Amino acid sequence: MKIKYKKIILFSFTLICCFMIFSSIYGASATTPTLVNKLNSALKKIQSYLVKIAAPTAGVAIATGVLMRKLSFGDEEKMIKGKKIITNAIICYGIIISIDLIIKFVDSVLK
């Protein structure tokens, strides 16, 4: 069941990323991109919100993983779970930050 949710989240995240990149590309090349401009501005607002909320969320997740590892008292299962939480938090934060950089790079190349 957990794998299904991870696949759904990964698919929706990938779809949003592709949509943001392609809307930026189409918005730069279309003659009258009214719908694309509205969509682009909406996606940029969503992106800025995600970037603002990503740092505190990653910090809380990393702190939770560290505390879980420290307070495991030798329980291997809790140590592995804490390590997974830390790793996933760092990876997700890196992905969110890289989306911002990728979109800025595509916009700079198109201008």
Foldseek 3Di string as FASTA:
>chain_A
DVVVVVVVVVVVVVVLLVVQLVLLVCVLPDDDPPVSVVVNVVSVVVLVVCLVPLVVVLVVQLVVLVVQLVPVVPDPVSPVVSVVSNVVSVVVNVVSVVSVVVNVVSNVVSD
